[in-house]
């Protein structure tokens, strides 16, 4: 049998089992990444394993989530992360250096390698031909100390791209088209593998946008070939030596093949409150908008922000709209600045946010009560923006820029201007000074532990009989954001006893007190839920915190 990209990479890394879809396999992990919201717990778990240093080819700790340091907790946790990285042989990407997925794509991702990250959008690096998988922090901790990662061998679905995107239609629209086709459920245990003549029309940042949002479909990961476009991107990053050509065999077998004609895709929007609630932008034209947020790990590349800057050049943001732009990395910010685009964005009236996750996770730039917020991020779950009553719509940077000018939902094709084609630079300006190397004398490094650091929770074996109470009953599509919130609560992620107080806060504020009462009486707690319970972020706290409260089923 001729092989897919997925099979080729996985077979090179399988240490237990064999490539038979549905069967359990264990794979060697080459690289890991963590971010600060999940990293504290992952490194506490790593410490508990008693190893002296990490065993991977590369492990990087990013500080990109809890960068709004309101209170001591985040700053203390960041000191802990820096000391851990220095002692254990881990690179540390400092606050302000950028979002983990954007920076990893730029500086570290390698075709043909495996990457395990404690963030659900780790598949972003599938845009350069990696098998990149999001997982819980404990899985990443095991991988860092040399253990394999266990998963169900995936079914591979080929998305065959043909044709070419028309002006004003983008990779974000392709990602939304995929979500419209596959929805957010029913895709667990699958990999989306992209092929066809249309692939060569997409730059690496465009491919990364598509693989990033595959996470919303629930797939294990998504992957593109590593080809000449990939080589050019790595050359521009000063990493030509990292390139490796990876293509599927011409007669490779797939569980399913789905055709997407890029020339037929139109500007799309994901409506509240799910990324698969997709409609053409045309259907919502004229809807009044209060906020436009451009950035996140999905759409904050050099190409994205240069395009937005050229659309906004000489224009002014509508007086009824608040516009926020968050570059995905320090590299992106420096390069658009050198190209003069930053001036155009500021002159138009946009606010420039830190190179961080920010608005996407609801820890800054929360919209007003009942506001309509247009965002280029990847999730629009109810309340995720930081405002429970807000309505969040997901669009491309082009649609977001057009809407910022008009003050209402606007199909960018109707702006009446020529589409600004942005060429990828032959060489990016690169400065890695905010990536700290580990200590050469790790035995001299003292781990800093602030008062927000708690012990990793432990659990007892599942009992033969579960006897207790239904502590809550919830509806379909309860995401990890609904189970345990992000936003301002994220600063407690290194302290399970504190963070558990906010479990189901959005659904039922009485849940915590009720669950503790049942638990302290020696009873088990049970959650009754509908379809797709636990979709969304690879947030192990959505399991750890209920576990701490005595939930057994």
Protein backbone atom coordinates (compact mmCIF):
# COMPACT_ATOMS: atom_id res chain seq x y z
CA UNK A 1 0.00 0.00 0.00
CA UNK A 2 1.29 3.46 -0.89
CA UNK A 3 1.36 5.85 2.05
CA UNK A 4 -0.10 9.15 3.15
CA UNK A 5 1.99 11.88 4.80
CA UNK A 6 0.41 10.96 8.12
CA UNK A 7 1.34 7.30 7.83
CA UNK A 8 4.90 8.09 6.75
CA UNK A 9 5.60 10.34 9.73
CA UNK A 10 3.81 8.20 12.30
CA UNK A 11 5.48 4.98 11.17
CA UNK A 12 8.86 6.66 11.62
CA UNK A 13 7.88 7.38 15.23
CA UNK A 14 5.83 4.35 16.36
CA UNK A 15 7.44 2.55 19.33
CA UNK A 16 4.46 0.34 20.20
CA UNK A 17 1.80 -1.09 17.89
CA UNK A 18 1.51 -0.58 14.15
CA UNK A 19 -0.33 1.69 11.76
CA UNK A 20 -3.84 0.24 11.91
CA UNK A 21 -6.54 2.91 12.25
CA UNK A 22 -8.47 2.55 15.49
CA UNK A 23 -5.78 0.52 17.27
CA UNK A 24 -3.72 2.04 20.06
CA UNK A 25 -0.19 3.11 19.18
CA UNK A 26 2.60 4.83 21.09
CA UNK A 27 4.82 7.33 19.31
CA UNK A 28 8.12 9.00 20.10
CA UNK A 29 7.79 12.76 20.55
CA UNK A 30 10.59 14.92 19.11
CA UNK A 31 9.47 18.34 20.36
CA UNK A 32 7.16 19.71 23.05
CA UNK A 33 5.68 23.09 23.75
CA UNK A 34 3.82 24.45 26.74
CA UNK A 35 2.23 27.79 27.45
CA UNK A 36 2.04 29.44 30.85
CA UNK A 37 -1.62 28.67 31.51
CA UNK A 38 -0.98 24.94 31.15
CA UNK A 39 2.77 24.89 31.68
CA UNK A 40 2.82 25.39 35.44
CA UNK A 41 0.88 22.17 36.03
CA UNK A 42 2.85 20.31 33.33
CA UNK A 43 6.16 21.22 34.97
CA UNK A 44 4.90 20.41 38.47
CA UNK A 45 4.07 16.99 37.06
CA UNK A 46 7.52 16.80 35.42
CA UNK A 47 9.19 17.62 38.74
CA UNK A 48 7.16 14.89 40.43
CA UNK A 49 8.72 12.32 38.08
CA UNK A 50 12.15 13.00 39.57
CA UNK A 51 14.19 13.43 36.38
CA UNK A 52 17.22 15.72 36.04
CA UNK A 53 16.48 17.12 32.58
CA UNK A 54 14.17 16.74 29.56
CA UNK A 55 14.89 14.00 27.00
CA UNK A 56 13.32 15.47 23.87
CA UNK A 57 15.18 16.97 20.91
CA UNK A 58 13.60 20.32 21.81
CA UNK A 59 11.22 21.58 24.48
CA UNK A 60 10.03 25.18 24.63
CA UNK A 61 8.12 26.93 27.41
CA UNK A 62 6.11 29.92 26.18
CA UNK A 63 4.63 32.74 28.25
CA UNK A 64 1.79 34.02 26.10
CA UNK A 65 -1.54 33.54 27.91
CA UNK A 66 -1.49 35.16 31.36
CA UNK A 67 0.46 38.24 30.35
CA UNK A 68 -1.97 40.72 31.93
CA UNK A 69 -0.40 40.62 35.37
CA UNK A 70 -3.27 41.83 37.55
CA UNK A 71 -2.13 40.60 40.94
CA UNK A 72 1.00 38.69 41.90
CA UNK A 73 -0.14 35.26 40.70
CA UNK A 74 0.85 35.45 37.04
CA UNK A 75 4.18 37.14 37.68
CA UNK A 76 5.06 34.56 40.34
CA UNK A 77 4.14 31.69 38.02
CA UNK A 78 6.29 33.18 35.27
CA UNK A 79 9.28 33.25 37.63
CA UNK A 80 8.60 29.59 38.38
CA UNK A 81 8.50 28.77 34.66
CA UNK A 82 11.76 30.61 33.99
CA UNK A 83 13.57 28.79 36.80
CA UNK A 84 12.19 25.40 35.70
CA UNK A 85 13.26 26.00 32.08
CA UNK A 86 16.74 27.04 33.15
CA UNK A 87 17.19 23.97 35.36
CA UNK A 88 15.66 21.28 33.15
CA UNK A 89 17.12 22.15 29.73
CA UNK A 90 14.07 23.91 28.26
CA UNK A 91 14.03 27.04 26.10
CA UNK A 92 11.89 29.87 27.50
CA UNK A 93 10.06 32.31 25.23
CA UNK A 94 9.59 35.40 27.37
CA UNK A 95 6.47 37.50 27.83
CA UNK A 96 6.04 39.63 24.72
CA UNK A 97 7.91 37.30 22.37
CA UNK A 98 4.66 36.00 20.99
CA UNK A 99 2.01 33.30 20.84
CA UNK A 100 3.44 29.80 21.13
CA UNK A 101 2.02 28.48 17.84
CA UNK A 102 3.16 31.46 15.76
CA UNK A 103 6.65 31.51 17.30
CA UNK A 104 7.07 27.74 17.05
CA UNK A 105 6.07 27.83 13.38
CA UNK A 106 8.61 30.59 12.76
CA UNK A 107 11.57 29.40 14.82
CA UNK A 108 11.37 25.71 15.70
CA UNK A 109 8.92 23.60 13.70
CA UNK A 110 10.53 20.99 11.40
CA UNK A 111 8.89 18.94 8.64
CA UNK A 112 8.67 15.24 9.46
CA UNK A 113 8.96 15.70 13.23
CA UNK A 114 6.41 15.08 15.96
CA UNK A 115 5.31 17.89 18.28
CA UNK A 116 3.18 17.50 21.42
CA UNK A 117 1.85 20.68 22.99
CA UNK A 118 -0.24 21.47 26.04
CA UNK A 119 -2.56 23.60 23.92
CA UNK A 120 -5.27 22.45 21.54
CA UNK A 121 -4.00 24.60 18.65
CA UNK A 122 -0.62 22.86 18.51
CA UNK A 123 -1.68 21.44 15.07
CA UNK A 124 -0.82 24.89 13.67
CA UNK A 125 2.63 23.45 12.90
CA UNK A 126 0.99 20.91 10.61
CA UNK A 127 1.24 23.78 8.14
CA UNK A 128 4.91 22.91 7.64
CA UNK A 129 4.50 19.13 7.50
CA UNK A 130 4.71 18.16 11.19
CA UNK A 131 2.49 15.76 13.08
CA UNK A 132 1.63 18.27 15.79
CA UNK A 133 -0.88 17.27 18.46
CA UNK A 134 -2.50 19.13 21.35
CA UNK A 135 -2.75 17.22 24.62
CA UNK A 136 -3.07 17.63 28.37
CA UNK A 137 -0.11 18.77 30.43
CA UNK A 138 0.48 15.34 31.96
CA UNK A 139 0.91 13.79 28.50
CA UNK A 140 3.42 16.51 27.64
CA UNK A 141 5.25 16.00 30.92
CA UNK A 142 5.61 12.27 30.16
CA UNK A 143 6.91 13.09 26.67
CA UNK A 144 9.46 15.55 28.06
CA UNK A 145 11.00 12.88 30.29
CA UNK A 146 11.27 10.45 27.38
CA UNK A 147 7.99 8.56 27.57
CA UNK A 148 5.91 7.85 24.46
CA UNK A 149 2.56 9.42 23.66
CA UNK A 150 -0.34 6.98 23.38
CA UNK A 151 -3.18 7.60 20.95
CA UNK A 152 -5.63 5.79 18.73
CA UNK A 153 -4.02 5.30 15.33
CA UNK A 154 -6.00 7.81 13.25
CA UNK A 155 -8.11 7.41 10.17
CA UNK A 156 -6.74 9.75 7.50
CA UNK A 157 -9.16 11.93 5.57
CA UNK A 158 -7.78 13.65 2.49
CA UNK A 159 -9.01 17.14 1.72
CA UNK A 160 -8.21 17.54 -1.94
CA UNK A 161 -7.78 21.22 -2.79
CA UNK A 162 -8.14 22.36 -6.38
CA UNK A 163 -8.26 25.73 -8.06
CA UNK A 164 -7.16 28.98 -6.44
CA UNK A 165 -8.72 31.43 -3.99
CA UNK A 166 -10.24 34.50 -5.59
CA UNK A 167 -9.34 38.02 -4.38
CA UNK A 168 -10.68 38.81 -0.88
CA UNK A 169 -11.22 35.10 -0.10
CA UNK A 170 -8.72 33.65 2.36
CA UNK A 171 -7.41 30.61 4.17
CA UNK A 172 -9.69 31.52 7.09
CA UNK A 173 -12.64 31.08 4.75
CA UNK A 174 -11.27 27.66 3.78
CA UNK A 175 -11.02 26.72 7.47
CA UNK A 176 -14.62 27.81 7.99
CA UNK A 177 -15.67 25.86 4.90
CA UNK A 178 -14.07 22.76 6.43
CA UNK A 179 -15.99 23.39 9.67
CA UNK A 180 -19.22 23.85 7.73
CA UNK A 181 -18.56 20.50 6.03
CA UNK A 182 -17.40 18.40 8.99
CA UNK A 183 -18.89 20.31 12.00
CA UNK A 184 -17.36 20.24 15.48
CA UNK A 185 -18.29 16.63 16.26
CA UNK A 186 -17.85 13.19 14.79
CA UNK A 187 -14.20 13.63 13.78
CA UNK A 188 -12.35 12.31 16.82
CA UNK A 189 -9.62 9.85 15.87
CA UNK A 190 -9.13 11.36 12.40
CA UNK A 191 -6.40 13.38 10.71
CA UNK A 192 -7.13 15.92 7.99
CA UNK A 193 -4.42 15.64 5.33
CA UNK A 194 -4.36 18.32 2.63
CA UNK A 195 -3.36 17.60 -0.94
CA UNK A 196 -4.17 18.48 -4.53
CA UNK A 197 -2.96 21.16 -6.93
CA UNK A 198 -4.53 23.90 -4.80
CA UNK A 199 -1.99 23.35 -2.03
CA UNK A 200 0.80 25.03 -3.97
CA UNK A 201 -1.25 28.27 -4.13
CA UNK A 202 -1.19 28.62 -0.33
CA UNK A 203 1.66 30.15 1.69
CA UNK A 204 2.81 28.57 4.96
CA UNK A 205 0.89 31.13 7.10
CA UNK A 206 -2.26 30.30 5.12
CA UNK A 207 -1.71 26.57 5.59
CA UNK A 208 -1.12 27.15 9.31
CA UNK A 209 -4.44 29.00 9.60
CA UNK A 210 -6.21 25.96 8.15
CA UNK A 211 -4.41 23.40 10.34
CA UNK A 212 -4.95 25.62 13.39
CA UNK A 213 -8.73 25.55 13.02
CA UNK A 214 -8.85 21.83 12.34
CA UNK A 215 -8.77 21.63 16.13
CA UNK A 216 -12.34 22.94 16.17
CA UNK A 217 -13.45 19.86 14.23
CA UNK A 218 -12.03 17.62 16.95
CA UNK A 219 -9.47 15.86 14.76
CA UNK A 220 -6.18 14.53 16.14
CA UNK A 221 -4.32 16.95 13.89
CA UNK A 222 -4.12 18.36 10.35
CA UNK A 223 -1.13 18.28 8.03
CA UNK A 224 0.07 19.76 4.74
CA UNK A 225 2.89 18.51 2.51
CA UNK A 226 6.36 19.97 2.97
CA UNK A 227 7.20 21.32 -0.47
CA UNK A 228 8.95 24.20 -2.20
CA UNK A 229 6.62 26.72 -0.46
CA UNK A 230 7.71 25.24 2.88
CA UNK A 231 11.37 25.46 1.86
CA UNK A 232 11.01 29.14 0.94
CA UNK A 233 9.37 29.90 4.31
CA UNK A 234 12.11 28.14 6.28
CA UNK A 235 14.76 29.90 4.17
CA UNK A 236 13.16 33.25 5.02
CA UNK A 237 13.39 32.23 8.67
CA UNK A 238 17.10 31.45 8.29
CA UNK A 239 16.34 27.76 8.77
CA UNK A 240 16.81 26.29 5.28
CA UNK A 241 18.70 23.37 6.84
CA UNK A 242 15.51 22.26 8.60
CA UNK A 243 13.64 21.61 5.36
CA UNK A 244 12.69 18.11 4.33
CA UNK A 245 10.39 17.28 1.44
CA UNK A 246 7.37 15.22 2.51
CA UNK A 247 4.63 14.25 0.09
CA UNK A 248 1.95 11.61 0.02
CA UNK A 249 2.39 8.83 -2.51
CA UNK A 250 0.23 9.38 -5.59
CA UNK A 251 -1.94 6.34 -4.95
CA UNK A 252 -2.03 6.65 -1.15
CA UNK A 253 -5.15 5.22 0.46
CA UNK A 254 -7.48 7.31 2.62
CA UNK A 255 -10.54 6.60 4.73
CA UNK A 256 -12.33 9.33 2.75
CA UNK A 257 -11.52 11.98 0.15
CA UNK A 258 -13.33 15.34 0.19
CA UNK A 259 -12.92 17.80 -2.68
CA UNK A 260 -12.76 21.54 -2.04
CA UNK A 261 -12.64 23.88 -5.02
CA UNK A 262 -10.85 26.97 -3.71
CA UNK A 263 -12.25 29.09 -6.53
CA UNK A 264 -15.79 28.44 -5.24
CA UNK A 265 -15.15 29.49 -1.63
CA UNK A 266 -16.63 32.85 -0.59
CA UNK A 267 -16.06 35.06 2.48
CA UNK A 268 -17.60 33.17 5.41
CA UNK A 269 -18.44 33.88 9.05
CA UNK A 270 -18.93 31.58 12.05
CA UNK A 271 -21.93 32.88 13.97
CA UNK A 272 -22.52 32.59 17.74
CA UNK A 273 -21.88 30.40 19.61
CA UNK A 274 -19.99 27.69 17.70
CA UNK A 275 -17.23 27.70 15.07
CA UNK A 276 -19.31 25.43 12.82
CA UNK A 277 -22.32 27.77 12.70
CA UNK A 278 -21.10 29.04 9.34
CA UNK A 279 -22.82 31.39 6.89
CA UNK A 280 -21.70 33.56 3.97
CA UNK A 281 -20.77 37.07 5.08
CA UNK A 282 -23.28 38.32 2.48
CA UNK A 283 -26.14 36.97 4.60
CA UNK A 284 -25.16 39.17 7.54
CA UNK A 285 -24.18 42.33 5.65
CA UNK A 286 -25.35 45.49 7.35
CA UNK A 287 -25.36 44.08 10.90
CA UNK A 288 -24.10 46.75 13.32
CA UNK A 289 -20.77 45.91 14.96
CA UNK A 290 -19.26 47.21 18.21
CA UNK A 291 -15.81 45.64 18.29
CA UNK A 292 -13.26 44.21 15.84
CA UNK A 293 -10.36 42.10 17.16
CA UNK A 294 -7.62 41.02 14.75
CA UNK A 295 -4.95 38.54 15.79
CA UNK A 296 -4.79 35.25 17.78
CA UNK A 297 -2.79 32.19 16.78
CA UNK A 298 -5.08 31.73 13.78
CA UNK A 299 -4.61 35.03 11.96
CA UNK A 300 -1.73 37.14 13.28
CA UNK A 301 1.05 36.41 10.82
CA UNK A 302 3.07 38.94 8.83
CA UNK A 303 0.92 38.25 5.78
CA UNK A 304 -2.32 38.74 7.73
CA UNK A 305 -1.36 42.02 9.36
CA UNK A 306 0.31 43.49 6.28
CA UNK A 307 -2.92 42.82 4.38
CA UNK A 308 -5.00 44.49 7.12
CA UNK A 309 -2.64 47.49 7.17
CA UNK A 310 -2.96 47.99 3.42
CA UNK A 311 -6.74 47.85 3.63
CA UNK A 312 -6.77 50.41 6.47
CA UNK A 313 -4.11 52.69 4.93
CA UNK A 314 -5.60 56.15 4.52
CA UNK A 315 -8.87 55.03 6.13
CA UNK A 316 -10.30 55.64 9.60
CA UNK A 317 -11.93 53.16 11.95
CA UNK A 318 -15.68 53.74 12.20
CA UNK A 319 -16.52 55.83 15.30
CA UNK A 320 -18.87 53.15 16.64
CA UNK A 321 -16.23 50.40 16.48
CA UNK A 322 -13.35 49.65 18.83
CA UNK A 323 -10.52 47.95 16.90
CA UNK A 324 -7.77 45.90 18.55
CA UNK A 325 -4.83 44.32 16.71
CA UNK A 326 -2.55 41.76 18.37
CA UNK A 327 0.50 40.64 16.35
CA UNK A 328 1.24 36.95 16.74
CA UNK A 329 4.90 37.41 17.58
CA UNK A 330 7.61 39.96 18.21
CA UNK A 331 8.99 38.96 14.81
CA UNK A 332 5.68 39.85 13.13
CA UNK A 333 5.53 43.18 14.99
CA UNK A 334 9.11 44.11 14.10
CA UNK A 335 8.69 43.18 10.44
CA UNK A 336 5.42 45.06 9.89
CA UNK A 337 6.99 48.02 11.70
CA UNK A 338 9.98 47.99 9.36
CA UNK A 339 7.58 47.83 6.41
CA UNK A 340 5.70 50.93 7.64
CA UNK A 341 2.47 49.04 8.29
CA UNK A 342 2.36 49.75 12.01
CA UNK A 343 2.01 53.46 11.30
CA UNK A 344 -0.89 52.76 8.93
CA UNK A 345 -2.69 50.70 11.59
CA UNK A 346 -2.22 53.32 14.30
CA UNK A 347 -3.19 56.17 11.97
CA UNK A 348 -6.42 54.38 11.11
CA UNK A 349 -7.36 54.32 14.81
CA UNK A 350 -6.53 50.74 15.77
CA UNK A 351 -5.30 49.86 19.25
CA UNK A 352 -2.13 47.77 19.26
CA UNK A 353 -2.16 44.97 21.81
CA UNK A 354 0.71 42.87 23.15
CA UNK A 355 2.00 39.92 21.13
CA UNK A 356 -0.05 37.44 23.15
CA UNK A 357 -3.29 35.46 23.22
CA UNK A 358 -5.12 38.32 24.92
CA UNK A 359 -8.64 38.82 23.64
CA UNK A 360 -8.97 35.26 22.28
CA UNK A 361 -8.98 33.76 25.77
CA UNK A 362 -11.04 36.52 27.34
CA UNK A 363 -8.41 37.94 29.67
CA UNK A 364 -8.43 41.37 28.00
CA UNK A 365 -10.53 43.48 25.61
CA UNK A 366 -13.82 41.95 26.76
CA UNK A 367 -16.68 43.48 24.72
CA UNK A 368 -19.53 45.52 26.16
CA UNK A 369 -22.81 44.03 27.38
CA UNK A 370 -24.75 42.50 24.46
CA UNK A 371 -22.06 43.72 22.05
CA UNK A 372 -21.34 42.28 18.62
CA UNK A 373 -17.65 41.42 18.40
CA UNK A 374 -16.01 40.45 15.09
CA UNK A 375 -12.85 38.40 15.64
CA UNK A 376 -10.23 36.59 13.58
CA UNK A 377 -9.68 34.01 16.33
CA UNK A 378 -10.81 30.39 16.30
CA UNK A 379 -13.50 30.07 18.97
CA UNK A 380 -16.71 31.91 19.73
CA UNK A 381 -18.14 29.88 22.61
CA UNK A 382 -20.62 31.72 24.79
CA UNK A 383 -18.79 33.74 27.42
CA UNK A 384 -15.26 32.97 26.16
CA UNK A 385 -14.73 36.63 25.22
CA UNK A 386 -15.09 37.60 28.89
CA UNK A 387 -18.64 38.90 28.41
CA UNK A 388 -21.38 36.30 28.75
CA UNK A 389 -23.96 38.27 26.76
CA UNK A 390 -21.67 39.25 23.88
CA UNK A 391 -22.11 37.76 20.41
CA UNK A 392 -18.82 36.77 18.77
CA UNK A 393 -18.48 36.18 15.01
CA UNK A 394 -15.35 34.62 13.49
CA UNK A 395 -14.10 36.01 10.17
CA UNK A 396 -10.97 36.52 8.05
CA UNK A 397 -8.65 39.51 8.60
CA UNK A 398 -9.94 40.95 5.31
CA UNK A 399 -13.57 40.81 6.44
CA UNK A 400 -12.56 42.20 9.86
CA UNK A 401 -10.73 45.16 8.27
CA UNK A 402 -13.63 45.93 5.95
CA UNK A 403 -16.03 45.83 8.90
CA UNK A 404 -13.76 48.11 10.95
CA UNK A 405 -14.05 50.76 8.24
CA UNK A 406 -17.81 50.56 7.65
CA UNK A 407 -18.98 49.84 11.20
CA UNK A 408 -21.17 46.99 10.01
CA UNK A 409 -20.63 43.44 8.82
CA UNK A 410 -19.15 43.86 5.35
CA UNK A 411 -18.19 41.45 2.61
CA UNK A 412 -14.69 42.73 1.77
CA UNK A 413 -15.40 42.29 -1.93
CA UNK A 414 -17.79 45.23 -1.61
CA UNK A 415 -15.18 47.71 -0.35
CA UNK A 416 -14.55 48.95 -3.86
CA UNK A 417 -10.77 48.79 -3.63
CA UNK A 418 -8.19 46.61 -5.32
CA UNK A 419 -7.20 43.57 -3.30
CA UNK A 420 -3.79 44.20 -1.67
CA UNK A 421 -1.56 41.27 -2.58
CA UNK A 422 1.14 40.73 0.05
CA UNK A 423 4.26 38.83 -0.92
CA UNK A 424 6.12 36.83 1.68
CA UNK A 425 9.58 38.36 2.31
CA UNK A 426 12.68 36.56 1.06
CA UNK A 427 14.21 37.09 4.49
CA UNK A 428 12.51 38.05 7.75
CA UNK A 429 14.21 40.31 10.26
CA UNK A 430 15.02 37.88 13.07
CA UNK A 431 15.90 38.58 16.70
CA UNK A 432 15.74 35.65 19.09
CA UNK A 433 17.02 37.55 22.13
CA UNK A 434 13.74 36.97 23.99
CA UNK A 435 14.20 33.21 23.80
CA UNK A 436 16.27 32.29 26.85
CA UNK A 437 18.66 29.34 26.81
CA UNK A 438 18.79 26.93 29.77
CA UNK A 439 21.54 27.17 32.35
CA UNK A 440 24.89 25.50 31.72
CA UNK A 441 25.08 24.78 35.46
CA UNK A 442 21.55 23.51 36.23
CA UNK A 443 22.63 22.21 39.62
CA UNK A 444 23.02 25.83 40.74
CA UNK A 445 19.49 26.87 39.70
CA UNK A 446 16.97 27.22 42.51
CA UNK A 447 13.31 26.69 41.60
CA UNK A 448 11.19 29.71 42.50
CA UNK A 449 7.82 28.84 44.03
CA UNK A 450 5.32 31.61 44.68
CA UNK A 451 2.37 31.20 47.00
CA UNK A 452 0.07 30.51 44.02
CA UNK A 453 1.84 27.22 43.28
CA UNK A 454 -0.09 24.21 44.59
CA UNK A 455 0.54 20.50 44.56
CA UNK A 456 -0.57 18.46 41.53
CA UNK A 457 -3.79 16.67 42.53
CA UNK A 458 -3.78 12.92 42.96
CA UNK A 459 -6.66 10.54 42.44
CA UNK A 460 -7.69 7.18 43.82
CA UNK A 461 -8.46 4.24 41.53
CA UNK A 462 -11.97 4.20 40.07
CA UNK A 463 -14.18 2.31 42.57
CA UNK A 464 -16.08 -0.85 41.68
CA UNK A 465 -19.34 0.92 42.56
CA UNK A 466 -20.17 4.58 42.03
CA UNK A 467 -22.71 5.81 44.55
CA UNK A 468 -23.66 9.43 44.86
CA UNK A 469 -25.45 12.38 43.38
CA UNK A 470 -26.01 13.99 40.00
CA UNK A 471 -24.31 17.26 40.85
CA UNK A 472 -25.28 18.97 37.58
CA UNK A 473 -27.08 18.28 34.32
CA UNK A 474 -25.90 20.21 31.27
CA UNK A 475 -26.80 20.51 27.60
CA UNK A 476 -25.04 19.54 24.36
CA UNK A 477 -21.73 21.13 23.26
CA UNK A 478 -20.48 21.95 26.74
CA UNK A 479 -16.92 23.04 26.07
CA UNK A 480 -13.92 23.07 28.36
CA UNK A 481 -14.51 26.83 28.62
CA UNK A 482 -17.92 26.13 30.14
CA UNK A 483 -16.50 23.54 32.52
CA UNK A 484 -13.61 25.65 33.81
CA UNK A 485 -13.29 29.25 32.57
CA UNK A 486 -10.28 31.00 31.09
CA UNK A 487 -10.01 34.78 31.23
CA UNK A 488 -9.26 36.31 34.61
CA UNK A 489 -9.60 32.92 36.35
CA UNK A 490 -6.63 31.44 34.47
CA UNK A 491 -4.15 32.81 36.97
CA UNK A 492 -5.16 30.03 39.36
CA UNK A 493 -4.23 27.17 37.04
CA UNK A 494 -1.23 26.24 39.16
CA UNK A 495 -3.51 26.00 42.21
CA UNK A 496 -6.18 23.34 41.66
CA UNK A 497 -7.85 23.84 45.04
CA UNK A 498 -8.45 27.51 44.18
CA UNK A 499 -9.26 27.03 40.50
CA UNK A 500 -11.83 24.32 41.27
CA UNK A 501 -14.04 26.95 42.90
CA UNK A 502 -14.96 28.16 39.40
CA UNK A 503 -16.02 24.82 37.86
CA UNK A 504 -19.28 25.33 35.91
CA UNK A 505 -19.33 28.96 37.05
CA UNK A 506 -21.11 30.00 33.83
CA UNK A 507 -23.65 27.17 33.98
CA UNK A 508 -24.52 27.02 37.68
CA UNK A 509 -22.82 29.12 40.35
CA UNK A 510 -24.05 26.69 43.02
CA UNK A 511 -22.17 23.72 41.58
CA UNK A 512 -18.98 24.12 43.61
CA UNK A 513 -20.73 24.33 46.97
CA UNK A 514 -23.01 21.42 46.12
CA UNK A 515 -20.17 19.23 44.86
CA UNK A 516 -18.05 19.90 47.96
CA UNK A 517 -20.98 19.01 50.24
CA UNK A 518 -21.51 15.68 48.46
CA UNK A 519 -17.77 14.94 48.35
CA UNK A 520 -17.27 15.70 52.03
CA UNK A 521 -20.11 13.32 52.90
CA UNK A 522 -18.11 10.56 51.23
CA UNK A 523 -20.38 10.43 48.18
CA UNK A 524 -19.39 10.48 44.53
CA UNK A 525 -20.40 13.28 42.18
CA UNK A 526 -21.77 12.55 38.70
CA UNK A 527 -22.14 14.94 35.75
CA UNK A 528 -24.93 14.27 33.25
CA UNK A 529 -24.09 15.80 29.86
CA UNK A 530 -25.15 15.74 26.22
CA UNK A 531 -23.25 15.42 22.94
CA UNK A 532 -19.70 16.73 22.54
CA UNK A 533 -19.15 17.29 26.25
CA UNK A 534 -15.58 18.58 26.71
CA UNK A 535 -15.00 19.90 23.18
CA UNK A 536 -12.69 22.86 22.71
CA UNK A 537 -9.39 23.51 24.45
CA UNK A 538 -7.11 20.66 25.49
CA UNK A 539 -7.60 21.93 29.02
CA UNK A 540 -6.73 19.15 31.48
CA UNK A 541 -8.12 21.35 34.25
CA UNK A 542 -11.59 20.54 32.87
CA UNK A 543 -10.86 17.02 34.16
CA UNK A 544 -8.54 17.79 37.09
CA UNK A 545 -10.82 20.31 38.83
CA UNK A 546 -14.00 18.15 38.71
CA UNK A 547 -11.83 15.22 39.87
CA UNK A 548 -10.70 17.33 42.85
CA UNK A 549 -14.38 17.94 43.64
CA UNK A 550 -15.14 14.23 43.78
CA UNK A 551 -16.58 13.73 40.29
CA UNK A 552 -16.32 10.05 39.32
CA UNK A 553 -18.41 9.87 36.13
